[in-house]
Amino acid sequence: MKPLLLVEDSDPDAEALMRIAKRLPLPVPVVRVRDGENALDYLYRRGAHADAERPVLILLDLHMPGIGGREVLATLKADPDLRSIPVIIFSSSVEEGDVEGAYANGANSYLFKPEVGPQLQATAEALHAFWFKAARLPEAQEPEA
């Protein structure tokens, strides 16, 4: 089954999102990679990710050490084989330049990442409602009834 790819360097943020994802009726599994380099390895099926399934959706942190979210997004959207995968930037940054840059590089959405707690739960539920109930994802199974 094609997964949602979570690219998140923060362990607490990733663990909170994974706990929330387990409580939501996600129709796909969540696979996490910790940084941009691993995200590109996953997407290009290199090294430890040689058998990786193409994700149906990517939740991408913008600010990570090493290869950051901007570089991952630009690489992904420049590749004709990968550009159709929807990418949601999930960042704690509210800088207008980050938002504009993300959309200029082809992001499909930009969500503010709140602190762990009720706001993060609400954001995850909104993400789930739109991307897995309302939107039609490429190469995904039928939407939930």
Protein backbone atom coordinates (compact mmCIF):
# COMPACT_ATOMS: atom_id res chain seq x y z
CA MET A 1 0.00 0.00 0.00
CA LYS A 2 1.37 3.39 -0.98
CA PRO A 3 2.21 5.46 2.11
CA LEU A 4 2.13 9.02 3.30
CA LEU A 5 5.79 10.06 3.57
CA LEU A 6 6.51 12.15 6.66
CA VAL A 7 9.80 14.05 6.40
CA GLU A 8 10.44 15.39 9.91
CA ASP A 9 13.70 15.84 11.80
CA SER A 10 12.10 16.47 15.20
CA ASP A 11 11.50 13.23 17.10
CA PRO A 12 8.86 14.76 19.43
CA ASP A 13 6.95 16.26 16.48
CA ALA A 14 7.14 13.04 14.47
CA GLU A 15 6.10 10.89 17.43
CA ALA A 16 3.13 13.18 18.14
CA LEU A 17 2.05 13.04 14.50
CA MET A 18 2.39 9.26 14.41
CA ARG A 19 0.24 8.94 17.58
CA ILE A 20 -2.41 11.17 16.03
CA ALA A 21 -2.23 9.27 12.72
CA LYS A 22 -2.94 6.00 14.54
CA ARG A 23 -6.18 7.47 15.91
CA LEU A 24 -7.33 8.77 12.52
CA PRO A 25 -8.81 6.40 9.96
CA LEU A 26 -5.95 6.96 7.52
CA PRO A 27 -6.33 4.77 4.44
CA VAL A 28 -2.55 4.59 4.03
CA PRO A 29 0.39 3.82 6.30
CA VAL A 30 2.74 6.60 7.43
CA VAL A 31 6.45 6.21 6.73
CA ARG A 32 8.87 8.62 8.37
CA VAL A 33 12.31 9.72 7.25
CA ARG A 34 14.33 12.10 9.39
CA ASP A 35 15.87 14.50 6.87
CA GLY A 36 16.03 15.72 3.32
CA GLU A 37 18.81 13.36 2.28
CA ASN A 38 16.78 10.35 3.40
CA ALA A 39 13.69 11.80 1.74
CA LEU A 40 15.49 11.96 -1.60
CA ASP A 41 16.92 8.46 -1.08
CA TYR A 42 13.38 7.24 -0.37
CA LEU A 43 11.89 8.97 -3.42
CA TYR A 44 14.68 7.76 -5.72
CA ARG A 45 14.68 4.32 -4.09
CA ARG A 46 18.37 4.39 -3.17
CA GLY A 47 20.29 2.54 -0.47
CA ALA A 48 18.14 1.39 2.46
CA HIS A 49 15.05 2.62 0.58
CA ALA A 50 15.59 0.55 -2.58
CA ASP A 51 12.22 -1.18 -2.07
CA ALA A 52 10.31 1.95 -1.07
CA GLU A 53 6.74 2.41 -2.25
CA ARG A 54 6.02 5.66 -4.07
CA PRO A 55 4.16 7.87 -1.58
CA VAL A 56 0.68 9.18 -2.35
CA LEU A 57 1.34 12.31 -0.29
CA ILE A 58 4.37 13.95 1.32
CA LEU A 59 4.29 15.93 4.57
CA LEU A 60 7.53 17.89 4.45
CA ASP A 61 9.21 19.90 7.18
CA LEU A 62 10.76 23.02 5.70
CA HIS A 63 13.67 23.65 8.06
CA MET A 64 15.91 20.63 8.54
CA PRO A 65 19.68 20.31 8.88
CA GLY A 66 21.56 19.30 5.74
CA ILE A 67 19.29 19.07 2.73
CA GLY A 68 16.28 21.13 3.76
CA GLY A 69 12.67 21.01 2.73
CA ARG A 70 13.16 23.69 0.07
CA GLU A 71 15.77 21.61 -1.72
CA VAL A 72 13.70 18.43 -1.46
CA LEU A 73 10.65 20.25 -2.83
CA ALA A 74 12.58 21.83 -5.70
CA THR A 75 14.17 18.50 -6.65
CA LEU A 76 10.88 16.64 -6.48
CA LYS A 77 8.92 19.18 -8.50
CA ALA A 78 11.66 19.38 -11.17
CA ASP A 79 11.42 15.63 -11.78
CA PRO A 80 8.70 14.68 -14.30
CA ASP A 81 8.33 11.25 -12.69
CA LEU A 82 7.78 12.61 -9.16
CA ARG A 83 6.21 16.05 -9.57
CA SER A 84 2.63 14.77 -9.42
CA ILE A 85 3.04 13.64 -5.81
CA PRO A 86 1.27 16.25 -3.66
CA VAL A 87 3.56 17.94 -1.14
CA ILE A 88 2.31 19.65 2.00
CA ILE A 89 4.84 21.87 3.70
CA PHE A 90 4.42 21.43 7.45
CA SER A 91 6.44 24.09 9.19
CA SER A 92 6.52 26.14 12.37
CA SER A 93 7.67 29.11 10.28
CA VAL A 94 5.14 31.87 9.68
CA GLU A 95 7.59 33.90 7.58
CA GLU A 96 5.84 35.12 4.47
CA GLY A 97 8.98 34.40 2.43
CA ASP A 98 8.83 30.74 3.46
CA VAL A 99 5.18 30.50 2.45
CA GLU A 100 5.70 32.27 -0.88
CA GLY A 101 8.85 30.28 -1.61
CA ALA A 102 7.10 26.99 -0.92
CA TYR A 103 4.29 27.76 -3.33
CA ALA A 104 6.72 29.15 -5.93
CA ASN A 105 8.56 25.82 -5.81
CA GLY A 106 5.39 23.82 -6.33
CA ALA A 107 4.08 23.01 -2.85
CA ASN A 108 0.45 21.93 -2.91
CA SER A 109 -0.26 23.33 0.53
CA TYR A 110 1.46 25.07 3.43
CA LEU A 111 0.31 24.24 6.95
CA PHE A 112 1.55 25.89 10.11
CA LYS A 113 2.87 23.24 12.52
CA PRO A 114 1.55 24.10 16.00
CA GLU A 115 2.99 22.89 19.28
CA VAL A 116 2.13 19.33 20.26
CA GLY A 117 -1.34 19.29 21.79
CA PRO A 118 -4.93 20.09 20.81
CA GLN A 119 -3.91 22.44 17.99
CA LEU A 120 -1.72 19.78 16.41
CA GLN A 121 -4.59 17.30 16.70
CA ALA A 122 -6.95 19.79 15.02
CA THR A 123 -4.46 20.47 12.23
CA ALA A 124 -3.94 16.73 11.62
CA GLU A 125 -7.70 16.18 11.52
CA ALA A 126 -8.13 19.01 9.00
CA LEU A 127 -5.31 17.57 6.89
CA HIS A 128 -6.97 14.16 7.02
CA ALA A 129 -10.41 15.55 6.15
CA PHE A 130 -9.15 17.38 3.10
CA TRP A 131 -6.45 15.12 1.67
CA PHE A 132 -8.03 11.74 2.44
CA LYS A 133 -11.74 12.51 2.26
CA ALA A 134 -12.25 15.46 -0.11
CA ALA A 135 -9.24 15.40 -2.44
CA ARG A 136 -8.45 12.70 -4.97
CA LEU A 137 -4.82 11.61 -4.73
CA PRO A 138 -2.88 10.26 -7.70
CA GLU A 139 -2.52 6.50 -7.62
CA ALA A 140 -4.51 6.23 -4.39
CA GLN A 141 -7.32 3.89 -3.58
CA GLU A 142 -10.92 5.02 -3.49
CA PRO A 143 -11.79 7.75 -0.95
CA GLU A 144 -13.48 6.83 2.32
CA ALA A 145 -17.28 6.65 2.26
